[in-house]
Amino acid sequence: MRGAISPVDGRYGPLVSELQSYFSEEALIRYRLRVESEYLKLVAERFAPRLLERLSARLDEIVSRFNESGVEAVKAIEAETRHDVEAVVRFLRKRLDEEGLGEVGHLVHIGLTSEDVNNLAHSLALRDAISTVITPALEKLLQDLVETAYRERFTVIVARTHGRPAVPTTLGKELAVHAYRLLTCLRHIGEVRLPGKVSGAVGTYAGLMEVFGSDALDVSRRLVESLGLVHWLATKQVIPHDDVSRLLYELSVASMVLVDLCRDLWLLTMLGLVYPRPRGVGSTTMPQKSNPVELENAEGNLEIASNMLSFLASRLLVSRLQRDLSDSTIKRNYGVALAHLLIGVKNLSTYLERMEVDRGEARRDLERHPEVLAEAVQIRSRLRGVDLLDELRALGAGGADYLNRVREVLATRGLQASEILPKSADEYIGSAPLIAELVYNLVMKNKIVG
């Protein structure tokens, strides 16, 4: 979209087009129309039972066939009413009249306030977008990640703490750490159930009781649960945002978990242990460049997503007395935040698909840092009653003759180097391959992906 101000709709539009079905203006109007239609069916059960079957069929058609021309009609009405939900109400009444059902037009929206419609529409949009777009994208990324972790479970590399060589690990185990975190995030996201309320202008159900009498609470529950949401009993005019905030916080955490993965992969790329297969132009002036651009793009978008999601989650927990409209404009950014998340996830998946492992450089890196075996030496020595920590510290970090100096220290303390000093870094990777394998099996066993 050339004229787009937001990069979400402009430059990155093709990456997030799936979200338009849930967060565009057309989508929000359609969700509102669906809520109004489902509520009208419940009203008709009581006040127009003879028309219920025909009315239900026509309402379903109105919702399913709602398109761009319908959006234009609603927006034209809104230009007059200056109220978006009232515009939907009038549109639905007009459509019913056109279908020969004008006699029930006066029952549209009866007993409701606009927030009864809006909260349900937003919860439905979030639920559908998460289950249909966001979760599958995260699951694909998890599968790409865990398969790479499993494939590289025996690829030994230097682990670094504080940016300095520490002890050996495997690339697969390090990727499995991120996969396990993402798996946990997906579980938490999947556990959240979004809420809904139909309780009137100040949460007393007074308007609903005028329509349904003592059945008002039951009708409210029936409507909310029929939409697949959790009924929230006690509310102001606005529904408490608690459960939606839990979902947004979980998505924010997932975003930063993936930022951590981006940074680790970026650093491994910088160290030369992994690299992206060349694609396109890497630099306007340096012909040799093949840059991790997908990682860097993913990191930026995921940070934006995390900050937006955490802001939405915390800000929407509060409202002035019964309500004010500041939350309305904020909620319209649900889709923007999720779009940045989706862009990051897709770019991260693309990098994993392009990523190659330089096993030769991994081996050379280990050879440059023989000091990564020092922990093994000091533990094995202490198990034999000899504490070499101070002597090993005095040797410093590495050097071409490091292992020979270690052997000399061992000899002076009467220890056999063949018993103490690992023959190679491969001997001191602990359960690293097993961890990668267990995480792989855990993902596949729980069928989180595929």
Protein backbone atom coordinates (compact mmCIF):
# COMPACT_ATOMS: atom_id res chain seq x y z
CA MET A 1 0.00 0.00 0.00
CA ARG A 2 1.94 3.01 -1.29
CA GLY A 3 0.15 5.64 0.75
CA ALA A 4 0.32 3.75 4.05
CA ILE A 5 1.80 5.65 6.99
CA SER A 6 2.39 2.53 9.06
CA PRO A 7 5.01 0.04 7.79
CA VAL A 8 2.63 -2.68 8.95
CA ASP A 9 0.22 -1.80 6.15
CA GLY A 10 2.91 -0.57 3.77
CA ARG A 11 6.28 -2.26 3.49
CA TYR A 12 5.29 -5.31 5.54
CA GLY A 13 1.70 -5.57 4.36
CA PRO A 14 2.20 -8.86 2.47
CA LEU A 15 3.60 -10.49 5.63
CA VAL A 16 0.57 -9.67 7.76
CA SER A 17 -2.34 -9.68 5.31
CA GLU A 18 -3.95 -12.60 7.20
CA LEU A 19 -4.61 -10.29 10.13
CA GLN A 20 -6.86 -8.02 8.08
CA SER A 21 -9.66 -10.56 8.52
CA TYR A 22 -9.58 -9.89 12.27
CA PHE A 23 -8.41 -6.32 12.87
CA SER A 24 -9.38 -4.21 9.87
CA GLU A 25 -12.29 -1.79 10.11
CA GLU A 26 -14.34 -4.20 8.02
CA ALA A 27 -13.51 -7.03 10.41
CA LEU A 28 -14.52 -5.07 13.50
CA ILE A 29 -17.83 -4.09 11.92
CA ARG A 30 -18.45 -7.72 10.92
CA TYR A 31 -17.78 -8.93 14.47
CA ARG A 32 -20.16 -6.30 15.84
CA LEU A 33 -22.78 -7.35 13.31
CA ARG A 34 -22.35 -10.97 14.37
CA VAL A 35 -22.84 -10.10 18.05
CA GLU A 36 -25.95 -8.03 17.30
CA SER A 37 -27.33 -10.89 15.21
CA GLU A 38 -26.76 -13.57 17.83
CA TYR A 39 -28.34 -11.38 20.49
CA LEU A 40 -31.35 -10.67 18.29
CA LYS A 41 -31.93 -14.42 17.93
CA LEU A 42 -32.23 -14.69 21.72
CA VAL A 43 -34.63 -11.75 21.80
CA ALA A 44 -36.70 -13.30 19.02
CA GLU A 45 -37.03 -16.55 20.99
CA ARG A 46 -39.15 -14.59 23.45
CA PHE A 47 -40.85 -11.92 21.36
CA ALA A 48 -41.08 -13.35 17.83
CA PRO A 49 -40.82 -17.14 18.08
CA ARG A 50 -42.83 -17.70 14.89
CA LEU A 51 -40.18 -15.77 12.93
CA LEU A 52 -37.17 -17.29 14.66
CA GLU A 53 -36.23 -19.90 12.07
CA ARG A 54 -36.51 -17.51 9.13
CA LEU A 55 -34.89 -14.67 11.06
CA SER A 56 -31.92 -16.82 12.11
CA ALA A 57 -31.27 -17.90 8.53
CA ARG A 58 -31.43 -14.33 7.24
CA LEU A 59 -29.19 -13.02 10.01
CA ASP A 60 -26.57 -15.66 9.23
CA GLU A 61 -26.69 -14.63 5.57
CA ILE A 62 -26.36 -10.94 6.40
CA VAL A 63 -23.24 -11.64 8.45
CA SER A 64 -21.64 -14.13 6.05
CA ARG A 65 -22.25 -11.92 3.00
CA PHE A 66 -21.10 -8.71 4.66
CA ASN A 67 -18.53 -7.15 2.35
CA GLU A 68 -16.91 -3.89 1.33
CA SER A 69 -20.18 -2.38 0.14
CA GLY A 70 -21.64 -3.16 3.56
CA VAL A 71 -18.71 -1.42 5.21
CA GLU A 72 -19.30 1.66 3.07
CA ALA A 73 -22.96 1.64 4.03
CA VAL A 74 -22.14 1.42 7.74
CA LYS A 75 -19.51 4.16 7.49
CA ALA A 76 -21.98 6.40 5.67
CA ILE A 77 -24.45 5.96 8.53
CA GLU A 78 -21.67 6.60 11.06
CA ALA A 79 -20.88 9.89 9.34
CA GLU A 80 -24.38 10.99 10.37
CA THR A 81 -24.64 9.34 13.80
CA ARG A 82 -21.03 9.93 14.93
CA HIS A 83 -21.36 6.58 16.73
CA ASP A 84 -19.88 3.39 15.29
CA VAL A 85 -22.10 0.85 17.07
CA GLU A 86 -25.27 2.85 16.41
CA ALA A 87 -24.31 2.76 12.74
CA VAL A 88 -24.22 -1.04 12.85
CA VAL A 89 -27.61 -1.11 14.60
CA ARG A 90 -29.21 1.08 11.93
CA PHE A 91 -27.57 -0.91 9.15
CA LEU A 92 -28.94 -4.16 10.55
CA ARG A 93 -32.44 -2.71 10.90
CA LYS A 94 -32.32 -1.55 7.29
CA ARG A 95 -31.16 -4.97 6.09
CA LEU A 96 -33.94 -6.69 8.03
CA ASP A 97 -36.45 -4.38 6.47
CA GLU A 98 -35.08 -5.28 3.03
CA GLU A 99 -35.47 -8.96 3.90
CA GLY A 100 -39.11 -8.48 4.85
CA LEU A 101 -38.36 -8.74 8.56
CA GLY A 102 -38.83 -5.10 9.48
CA GLU A 103 -41.34 -6.03 12.19
CA VAL A 104 -38.45 -7.13 14.44
CA GLY A 105 -36.27 -4.11 13.65
CA HIS A 106 -37.25 -2.39 16.89
CA LEU A 107 -35.80 -5.34 18.83
CA VAL A 108 -32.26 -4.89 17.47
CA HIS A 109 -29.88 -3.92 20.31
CA ILE A 110 -32.75 -3.66 22.81
CA GLY A 111 -31.46 -3.73 26.40
CA LEU A 112 -27.81 -3.46 25.32
CA THR A 113 -25.17 -0.78 25.55
CA SER A 114 -22.52 -0.37 22.87
CA GLU A 115 -19.86 -1.83 25.15
CA ASP A 116 -21.84 -5.08 25.37
CA VAL A 117 -21.24 -5.40 21.64
CA ASN A 118 -17.70 -4.04 21.53
CA ASN A 119 -16.19 -6.21 24.26
CA LEU A 120 -17.51 -9.35 22.59
CA ALA A 121 -16.32 -8.22 19.16
CA HIS A 122 -12.80 -7.52 20.43
CA SER A 123 -12.55 -10.80 22.33
CA LEU A 124 -13.71 -12.73 19.27
CA ALA A 125 -11.21 -10.93 17.03
CA LEU A 126 -8.35 -11.62 19.42
CA ARG A 127 -9.33 -15.24 19.93
CA ASP A 128 -9.70 -15.93 16.22
CA ALA A 129 -6.49 -14.14 15.24
CA ILE A 130 -4.45 -15.90 17.91
CA SER A 131 -5.79 -19.36 17.08
CA THR A 132 -5.78 -18.96 13.29
CA VAL A 133 -2.70 -16.82 12.59
CA ILE A 134 -0.42 -16.11 15.54
CA THR A 135 -0.29 -19.54 17.18
CA PRO A 136 0.30 -21.41 13.89
CA ALA A 137 3.14 -18.99 13.05
CA LEU A 138 4.71 -19.55 16.47
CA GLU A 139 4.25 -23.30 16.10
CA LYS A 140 5.98 -23.28 12.71
CA LEU A 141 8.87 -21.34 14.21
CA LEU A 142 9.03 -23.82 17.09
CA GLN A 143 9.16 -26.72 14.66
CA ASP A 144 11.93 -25.09 12.60
CA LEU A 145 13.84 -24.35 15.78
CA VAL A 146 13.48 -27.73 17.46
CA GLU A 147 14.36 -29.60 14.27
CA THR A 148 17.53 -27.53 13.94
CA ALA A 149 18.32 -28.16 17.60
CA TYR A 150 17.92 -31.90 17.13
CA ARG A 151 20.04 -31.91 13.97
CA GLU A 152 22.84 -30.00 15.71
CA ARG A 153 22.65 -31.79 19.06
CA PHE A 154 26.20 -33.16 18.69
CA THR A 155 27.74 -30.02 17.16
CA VAL A 156 30.16 -28.93 19.90
CA ILE A 157 30.80 -25.21 20.30
CA VAL A 158 32.35 -22.88 22.85
CA ALA A 159 29.77 -21.58 25.30
CA ARG A 160 30.36 -18.01 26.38
CA THR A 161 29.44 -16.27 29.61
CA HIS A 162 29.89 -12.51 29.86
CA GLY A 163 31.00 -12.74 26.23
CA ARG A 164 34.05 -14.82 27.17
CA PRO A 165 34.78 -18.54 26.57
CA ALA A 166 33.39 -20.71 29.38
CA VAL A 167 32.94 -24.47 28.79
CA PRO A 168 31.89 -26.61 25.82
CA THR A 169 28.25 -27.02 24.89
CA THR A 170 26.45 -28.00 21.71
CA LEU A 171 24.67 -25.77 19.28
CA GLY A 172 21.66 -28.05 19.48
CA LYS A 173 21.39 -27.72 23.23
CA GLU A 174 21.59 -23.93 23.05
CA LEU A 175 18.82 -23.81 20.45
CA ALA A 176 16.81 -26.28 22.53
CA VAL A 177 16.84 -23.78 25.40
CA HIS A 178 15.02 -21.29 23.20
CA ALA A 179 12.70 -23.98 21.84
CA TYR A 180 11.73 -25.02 25.37
CA ARG A 181 11.00 -21.41 26.29
CA LEU A 182 8.83 -20.96 23.21
CA LEU A 183 7.04 -24.24 23.93
CA THR A 184 6.24 -22.97 27.43
CA CYS A 185 5.01 -19.65 26.03
CA LEU A 186 2.68 -21.46 23.64
CA ARG A 187 1.24 -23.49 26.49
CA HIS A 188 0.55 -20.36 28.53
CA ILE A 189 -1.00 -18.59 25.54
CA GLY A 190 -3.21 -21.60 24.87
CA GLU A 191 -4.44 -21.69 28.46
CA VAL A 192 -5.95 -18.19 28.41
CA ARG A 193 -9.71 -18.05 27.83
CA LEU A 194 -11.04 -14.72 26.68
CA PRO A 195 -14.01 -13.13 28.48
CA GLY A 196 -17.25 -11.48 27.50
CA LYS A 197 -20.02 -9.58 29.21
CA VAL A 198 -23.55 -8.45 28.44
CA SER A 199 -24.51 -6.45 31.51
CA GLY A 200 -25.76 -3.09 30.28
CA ALA A 201 -24.81 0.53 30.77
CA VAL A 202 -23.36 0.22 34.29
CA GLY A 203 -23.18 -3.53 34.81
CA THR A 204 -26.49 -3.89 36.68
CA TYR A 205 -28.28 -5.84 33.91
CA ALA A 206 -31.18 -3.39 34.34
CA GLY A 207 -31.81 -2.98 30.62
CA LEU A 208 -31.58 -6.72 30.06
CA MET A 209 -34.04 -7.34 32.90
CA GLU A 210 -36.57 -5.08 31.21
CA VAL A 211 -36.37 -7.40 28.23
CA PHE A 212 -35.87 -10.81 29.85
CA GLY A 213 -36.97 -10.31 33.45
CA SER A 214 -35.42 -12.74 35.90
CA ASP A 215 -33.82 -14.63 33.01
CA ALA A 216 -31.50 -11.71 32.22
CA LEU A 217 -28.39 -13.20 33.81
CA ASP A 218 -28.98 -16.53 32.14
CA VAL A 219 -29.49 -14.90 28.73
CA SER A 220 -26.28 -12.93 29.21
CA ARG A 221 -24.39 -16.12 30.02
CA ARG A 222 -25.97 -18.00 27.10
CA LEU A 223 -24.97 -15.34 24.60
CA VAL A 224 -21.38 -15.07 25.82
CA GLU A 225 -20.85 -18.82 26.02
CA SER A 226 -22.50 -19.43 22.64
CA LEU A 227 -19.73 -17.29 21.18
CA GLY A 228 -17.09 -19.47 22.85
CA LEU A 229 -16.13 -16.91 25.48
CA VAL A 230 -16.09 -17.01 29.28
CA HIS A 231 -18.97 -15.14 30.92
CA TRP A 232 -17.83 -12.36 33.26
CA LEU A 233 -20.53 -11.76 35.87
CA ALA A 234 -19.61 -8.57 37.72
CA THR A 235 -18.60 -5.59 35.58
CA LYS A 236 -18.75 -1.86 35.16
CA GLN A 237 -19.96 -0.69 31.77
CA VAL A 238 -16.60 -1.98 30.56
CA ILE A 239 -15.56 -5.55 31.20
CA PRO A 240 -12.44 -5.88 33.35
CA HIS A 241 -9.49 -6.39 31.03
CA ASP A 242 -7.77 -8.90 33.33
CA ASP A 243 -7.99 -12.02 31.17
CA VAL A 244 -7.23 -10.17 27.94
CA SER A 245 -4.24 -8.60 29.69
CA ARG A 246 -3.01 -12.04 30.71
CA LEU A 247 -3.05 -13.07 27.07
CA LEU A 248 -1.28 -9.89 25.96
CA TYR A 249 1.34 -10.28 28.68
CA GLU A 250 2.01 -13.85 27.57
CA LEU A 251 2.40 -12.65 23.99
CA SER A 252 4.72 -9.89 25.19
CA VAL A 253 6.84 -12.46 27.03
CA ALA A 254 6.92 -14.65 23.92
CA SER A 255 8.09 -11.66 21.89
CA MET A 256 11.03 -11.01 24.22
CA VAL A 257 11.88 -14.71 24.39
CA LEU A 258 12.27 -14.53 20.62
CA VAL A 259 14.31 -11.32 20.87
CA ASP A 260 16.71 -13.32 23.04
CA LEU A 261 16.89 -15.98 20.33
CA CYS A 262 17.54 -13.30 17.69
CA ARG A 263 20.43 -11.87 19.68
CA ASP A 264 22.00 -15.25 20.36
CA LEU A 265 21.78 -16.20 16.69
CA TRP A 266 23.17 -12.80 15.72
CA LEU A 267 26.16 -13.28 18.04
CA LEU A 268 26.73 -16.81 16.74
CA THR A 269 26.67 -15.30 13.25
CA MET A 270 29.19 -12.67 14.31
CA LEU A 271 31.45 -15.40 15.72
CA GLY A 272 31.27 -17.22 12.39
CA LEU A 273 29.69 -20.35 13.84
CA VAL A 274 26.55 -19.92 11.73
CA TYR A 275 25.90 -17.84 8.65
CA PRO A 276 23.03 -17.03 6.30
CA ARG A 277 23.10 -18.45 2.80
CA PRO A 278 23.63 -15.56 0.36
CA ARG A 279 20.47 -14.04 -1.06
CA GLY A 280 20.11 -10.78 -2.91
CA VAL A 281 22.38 -7.79 -2.34
CA GLY A 282 24.09 -7.54 1.04
CA SER A 283 25.67 -4.13 0.58
CA THR A 284 25.73 -1.31 -1.97
CA THR A 285 29.51 -1.09 -1.64
CA MET A 286 30.84 -4.33 -0.08
CA PRO A 287 30.26 -7.19 -2.53
CA GLN A 288 31.24 -9.91 -0.05
CA LYS A 289 28.48 -9.13 2.46
CA SER A 290 25.70 -11.59 3.29
CA ASN A 291 23.98 -10.12 6.30
CA PRO A 292 21.57 -11.56 8.90
CA VAL A 293 18.96 -9.02 7.88
CA GLU A 294 16.02 -11.24 8.81
CA LEU A 295 17.36 -11.56 12.35
CA GLU A 296 17.79 -7.83 12.70
CA ASN A 297 14.36 -7.13 11.26
CA ALA A 298 12.82 -9.75 13.53
CA GLU A 299 14.53 -8.32 16.61
CA GLY A 300 13.26 -4.81 15.93
CA ASN A 301 9.69 -5.86 15.22
CA LEU A 302 9.56 -8.22 18.20
CA GLU A 303 10.75 -5.46 20.52
CA ILE A 304 8.04 -3.14 19.20
CA ALA A 305 5.49 -5.93 19.64
CA SER A 306 6.56 -6.68 23.20
CA ASN A 307 6.42 -3.05 24.26
CA MET A 308 3.05 -2.46 22.60
CA LEU A 309 1.56 -5.64 24.05
CA SER A 310 2.77 -4.89 27.58
CA PHE A 311 1.46 -1.32 27.29
CA LEU A 312 -1.94 -2.55 26.11
CA ALA A 313 -2.03 -5.15 28.87
CA SER A 314 -1.27 -2.72 31.69
CA ARG A 315 -3.08 0.40 30.46
CA LEU A 316 -6.37 -1.36 29.76
CA LEU A 317 -6.61 -2.71 33.30
CA VAL A 318 -7.90 0.67 34.47
CA SER A 319 -10.89 2.83 33.51
CA ARG A 320 -12.51 5.93 34.97
CA LEU A 321 -15.57 4.96 37.00
CA GLN A 322 -17.92 3.16 34.59
CA ARG A 323 -15.89 3.94 31.47
CA ASP A 324 -14.25 6.51 29.23
CA LEU A 325 -13.40 6.27 25.56
CA SER A 326 -9.61 6.29 25.89
CA ASP A 327 -9.69 2.49 25.87
CA SER A 328 -11.52 2.40 22.54
CA THR A 329 -8.73 3.96 20.51
CA ILE A 330 -6.14 1.90 22.40
CA LYS A 331 -7.90 -1.38 21.62
CA ARG A 332 -7.80 -0.55 17.94
CA ASN A 333 -4.06 -1.22 18.19
CA TYR A 334 -4.42 -4.90 19.10
CA GLY A 335 -3.86 -5.73 15.46
CA VAL A 336 -0.87 -3.41 15.11
CA ALA A 337 0.92 -5.07 18.03
CA LEU A 338 0.17 -8.56 16.74
CA ALA A 339 1.28 -7.55 13.25
CA HIS A 340 4.73 -6.59 14.55
CA LEU A 341 4.87 -9.93 16.37
CA LEU A 342 3.93 -11.79 13.20
CA ILE A 343 6.53 -9.93 11.12
CA GLY A 344 9.20 -10.85 13.65
CA VAL A 345 8.18 -14.50 13.80
CA LYS A 346 8.10 -14.87 10.03
CA ASN A 347 11.49 -13.22 9.55
CA LEU A 348 13.00 -15.38 12.27
CA SER A 349 11.65 -18.49 10.56
CA THR A 350 13.14 -17.29 7.28
CA TYR A 351 16.55 -16.87 8.89
CA LEU A 352 16.44 -20.39 10.32
CA GLU A 353 15.66 -21.69 6.84
CA ARG A 354 18.69 -19.81 5.44
CA MET A 355 21.04 -20.63 8.32
CA GLU A 356 24.08 -22.83 7.74
CA VAL A 357 26.41 -24.15 10.44
CA ASP A 358 30.17 -23.82 9.96
CA ARG A 359 31.33 -26.91 11.81
CA GLY A 360 34.92 -26.29 10.77
CA GLU A 361 34.89 -22.87 12.39
CA ALA A 362 33.22 -24.34 15.47
CA ARG A 363 36.11 -26.81 15.79
CA ARG A 364 38.71 -24.09 15.23
CA ASP A 365 37.03 -21.95 17.88
CA LEU A 366 37.36 -24.82 20.34
CA GLU A 367 41.03 -25.24 19.44
CA ARG A 368 41.63 -21.52 20.03
CA HIS A 369 40.16 -21.82 23.51
CA PRO A 370 41.48 -24.94 25.25
CA GLU A 371 40.79 -23.20 28.56
CA VAL A 372 37.17 -24.34 28.22
CA LEU A 373 38.39 -27.65 29.69
CA ALA A 374 39.64 -26.02 32.91
CA GLU A 375 36.40 -26.68 34.80
CA ALA A 376 36.63 -30.39 34.01
CA VAL A 377 40.24 -30.46 35.23
CA GLN A 378 39.53 -28.74 38.54
CA ILE A 379 36.47 -30.91 39.31
CA ARG A 380 38.24 -34.17 38.49
CA SER A 381 41.25 -33.11 40.54
CA ARG A 382 39.15 -32.20 43.56
CA LEU A 383 37.38 -35.54 43.37
CA ARG A 384 40.85 -37.04 43.86
CA GLY A 385 41.49 -34.83 46.87
CA VAL A 386 43.57 -32.18 45.10
CA ASP A 387 42.35 -28.58 44.75
CA LEU A 388 43.92 -26.96 41.69
CA LEU A 389 41.68 -23.92 41.39
CA ASP A 390 44.34 -21.35 42.27
CA GLU A 391 46.97 -22.95 40.03
CA LEU A 392 44.55 -23.08 37.12
CA ARG A 393 43.49 -19.48 37.68
CA ALA A 394 47.13 -18.47 37.54
CA LEU A 395 47.43 -19.97 34.07
CA GLY A 396 45.07 -17.34 32.68
CA ALA A 397 42.82 -17.81 29.70
CA GLY A 398 44.14 -19.94 26.90
CA GLY A 399 47.17 -19.66 24.70
CA ALA A 400 48.84 -22.11 22.33
CA ASP A 401 50.63 -23.92 25.14
CA TYR A 402 47.75 -23.85 27.62
CA LEU A 403 47.18 -27.60 27.73
CA ASN A 404 50.89 -28.27 28.19
CA ARG A 405 50.93 -25.90 31.15
CA VAL A 406 47.91 -27.72 32.58
CA ARG A 407 49.75 -31.01 32.22
CA GLU A 408 52.73 -29.53 34.09
CA VAL A 409 50.48 -28.40 36.94
CA LEU A 410 48.95 -31.86 37.14
CA ALA A 411 52.35 -33.50 37.16
CA THR A 412 53.61 -31.29 40.01
CA ARG A 413 50.64 -32.43 42.09
CA GLY A 414 51.14 -36.09 41.27
CA LEU A 415 48.12 -36.42 38.99
CA GLN A 416 47.95 -38.25 35.66
CA ALA A 417 46.91 -35.97 32.83
CA SER A 418 45.40 -38.94 30.99
CA GLU A 419 42.97 -39.38 33.89
CA ILE A 420 42.19 -35.72 34.48
CA LEU A 421 42.42 -33.81 31.22
CA PRO A 422 39.60 -34.49 28.72
CA LYS A 423 40.90 -35.79 25.42
CA SER A 424 38.74 -33.24 23.61
CA ALA A 425 35.89 -30.83 24.19
CA ASP A 426 33.49 -33.54 23.01
CA GLU A 427 34.22 -35.38 26.25
CA TYR A 428 32.89 -32.52 28.36
CA ILE A 429 29.47 -31.64 26.99
CA GLY A 430 27.49 -33.30 29.75
CA SER A 431 23.89 -33.99 28.78
CA ALA A 432 23.80 -31.36 26.04
CA PRO A 433 22.80 -33.76 23.23
CA LEU A 434 20.25 -35.44 25.49
CA ILE A 435 18.67 -32.11 26.41
CA ALA A 436 18.22 -31.25 22.74
CA GLU A 437 16.73 -34.68 22.10
CA LEU A 438 14.38 -34.48 25.08
CA VAL A 439 13.09 -31.06 24.05
CA TYR A 440 12.58 -32.33 20.51
CA ASN A 441 10.64 -35.34 21.79
CA LEU A 442 8.62 -33.17 24.15
CA VAL A 443 7.50 -30.88 21.34
CA MET A 444 6.59 -33.78 19.07
CA LYS A 445 4.91 -35.81 21.82
CA ASN A 446 2.65 -32.96 22.82
CA LYS A 447 1.84 -32.27 19.18
CA ILE A 448 2.35 -28.59 19.72
CA VAL A 449 3.32 -28.36 16.05
CA GLY A 450 2.17 -30.01 12.87
